[in-house]
Amino acid sequence: MSTGAIIMLVISIVIVWGGLIGAILLLRAHPEDSDLPEAGSGRYGPPRR
């Protein structure tokens, strides 16, 4: 592998894993969104036929 390919590989790995770690930290800080309706409330259920 060339030097440029290795640098791009390292950058892409840092971006992917950094995004994953950032998402985990965000979800740990804000675990639940209370604005969403309860499951099974029927408000956003499948369309009726």
N, C-alpha and C. Protein backbone atom coordinates (compact mmCIF):
# COMPACT_ATOMS: atom_id res chain seq x y z
N MET A 1 0.84 -1.18 0.00
CA MET A 1 0.00 0.00 0.00
C MET A 1 0.88 1.24 0.00
N SER A 2 0.39 2.22 -0.69
CA SER A 2 1.15 3.46 -0.73
C SER A 2 0.89 4.29 0.53
N THR A 3 1.71 5.29 0.74
CA THR A 3 1.56 6.15 1.92
C THR A 3 0.24 6.90 1.89
N GLY A 4 -0.17 7.35 0.72
CA GLY A 4 -1.44 8.06 0.60
C GLY A 4 -2.63 7.18 0.95
N ALA A 5 -2.56 5.91 0.54
CA ALA A 5 -3.65 4.98 0.85
C ALA A 5 -3.73 4.71 2.34
N ILE A 6 -2.61 4.58 3.00
CA ILE A 6 -2.59 4.33 4.44
C ILE A 6 -3.13 5.54 5.20
N ILE A 7 -2.76 6.73 4.75
CA ILE A 7 -3.27 7.95 5.40
C ILE A 7 -4.78 8.04 5.24
N MET A 8 -5.29 7.77 4.06
CA MET A 8 -6.74 7.81 3.84
C MET A 8 -7.46 6.73 4.65
N LEU A 9 -6.84 5.56 4.79
CA LEU A 9 -7.41 4.50 5.61
C LEU A 9 -7.52 4.93 7.05
N VAL A 10 -6.46 5.51 7.59
CA VAL A 10 -6.46 5.97 8.98
C VAL A 10 -7.50 7.07 9.18
N ILE A 11 -7.60 8.00 8.25
CA ILE A 11 -8.57 9.09 8.36
C ILE A 11 -9.99 8.53 8.35
N SER A 12 -10.28 7.60 7.46
CA SER A 12 -11.63 7.04 7.39
C SER A 12 -11.97 6.24 8.64
N ILE A 13 -11.00 5.51 9.19
CA ILE A 13 -11.24 4.76 10.43
C ILE A 13 -11.53 5.72 11.57
N VAL A 14 -10.79 6.81 11.66
CA VAL A 14 -11.01 7.79 12.72
C VAL A 14 -12.39 8.43 12.58
N ILE A 15 -12.82 8.71 11.36
CA ILE A 15 -14.13 9.32 11.15
C ILE A 15 -15.25 8.35 11.56
N VAL A 16 -15.15 7.10 11.14
CA VAL A 16 -16.20 6.12 11.45
C VAL A 16 -16.26 5.85 12.95
N TRP A 17 -15.13 5.52 13.56
CA TRP A 17 -15.13 5.20 14.98
C TRP A 17 -15.41 6.44 15.83
N GLY A 18 -14.96 7.59 15.37
CA GLY A 18 -15.26 8.83 16.09
C GLY A 18 -16.75 9.14 16.09
N GLY A 19 -17.40 8.89 14.95
CA GLY A 19 -18.84 9.08 14.88
C GLY A 19 -19.58 8.10 15.77
N LEU A 20 -19.13 6.88 15.82
CA LEU A 20 -19.75 5.88 16.69
C LEU A 20 -19.60 6.27 18.16
N ILE A 21 -18.41 6.65 18.55
CA ILE A 21 -18.18 7.06 19.94
C ILE A 21 -18.98 8.32 20.27
N GLY A 22 -19.04 9.27 19.34
CA GLY A 22 -19.84 10.47 19.56
C GLY A 22 -21.31 10.16 19.73
N ALA A 23 -21.84 9.23 18.92
CA ALA A 23 -23.24 8.85 19.03
C ALA A 23 -23.52 8.16 20.37
N ILE A 24 -22.61 7.31 20.80
CA ILE A 24 -22.78 6.63 22.09
C ILE A 24 -22.77 7.64 23.23
N LEU A 25 -21.85 8.58 23.19
CA LEU A 25 -21.78 9.59 24.25
C LEU A 25 -23.03 10.46 24.25
N LEU A 26 -23.54 10.81 23.08
CA LEU A 26 -24.75 11.62 23.00
C LEU A 26 -25.95 10.86 23.56
N LEU A 27 -26.07 9.58 23.23
CA LEU A 27 -27.17 8.78 23.75
C LEU A 27 -27.05 8.55 25.24
N ARG A 28 -25.85 8.46 25.76
CA ARG A 28 -25.68 8.31 27.21
C ARG A 28 -26.05 9.60 27.93
N ALA A 29 -25.79 10.75 27.31
CA ALA A 29 -26.12 12.03 27.94
C ALA A 29 -27.61 12.31 27.87
N HIS A 30 -28.26 11.90 26.79
CA HIS A 30 -29.70 12.15 26.58
C HIS A 30 -30.36 10.83 26.20
N PRO A 31 -30.63 9.95 27.16
CA PRO A 31 -31.07 8.59 26.82
C PRO A 31 -32.49 8.47 26.31
N GLU A 32 -33.39 9.40 26.65
CA GLU A 32 -34.78 9.21 26.29
C GLU A 32 -35.35 10.53 25.78
N ASP A 33 -36.11 10.45 24.70
CA ASP A 33 -36.75 11.64 24.16
C ASP A 33 -38.23 11.57 24.54
N SER A 34 -38.67 12.43 25.45
CA SER A 34 -40.03 12.36 25.95
C SER A 34 -41.04 12.98 25.00
N ASP A 35 -40.61 13.58 23.90
CA ASP A 35 -41.53 14.18 22.94
C ASP A 35 -42.19 13.15 22.04
N LEU A 36 -41.67 11.94 22.01
CA LEU A 36 -42.22 10.91 21.15
C LEU A 36 -43.45 10.28 21.81
N PRO A 37 -44.44 9.86 21.01
CA PRO A 37 -45.63 9.22 21.61
C PRO A 37 -45.30 7.85 22.15
N GLU A 38 -46.14 7.38 23.05
CA GLU A 38 -45.96 6.05 23.62
C GLU A 38 -46.14 4.99 22.53
N ALA A 39 -45.47 3.89 22.69
CA ALA A 39 -45.61 2.80 21.74
C ALA A 39 -47.02 2.22 21.85
N GLY A 40 -47.66 2.00 20.72
CA GLY A 40 -48.99 1.43 20.73
C GLY A 40 -50.10 2.45 20.93
N SER A 41 -49.79 3.73 20.89
CA SER A 41 -50.82 4.74 21.11
C SER A 41 -51.73 4.88 19.90
N GLY A 42 -51.31 4.36 18.74
CA GLY A 42 -52.12 4.43 17.54
C GLY A 42 -51.98 5.71 16.76
N ARG A 43 -51.33 6.68 17.30
CA ARG A 43 -51.22 7.97 16.62
C ARG A 43 -50.38 7.85 15.35
N TYR A 44 -49.31 7.09 15.39
CA TYR A 44 -48.45 6.92 14.23
C TYR A 44 -48.41 5.48 13.77
N GLY A 45 -49.50 4.77 13.93
CA GLY A 45 -49.56 3.38 13.55
C GLY A 45 -49.70 3.21 12.05
N PRO A 46 -49.81 1.98 11.60
CA PRO A 46 -49.98 1.73 10.17
C PRO A 46 -51.33 2.27 9.70
N PRO A 47 -51.45 2.62 8.43
CA PRO A 47 -52.72 3.17 7.94
C PRO A 47 -53.83 2.13 8.01
N ARG A 48 -55.03 2.60 8.30
CA ARG A 48 -56.19 1.69 8.39
C ARG A 48 -56.78 1.50 7.00
N ARG A 49 -57.28 0.31 6.76
CA ARG A 49 -57.87 0.02 5.45
C ARG A 49 -59.36 -0.13 5.56
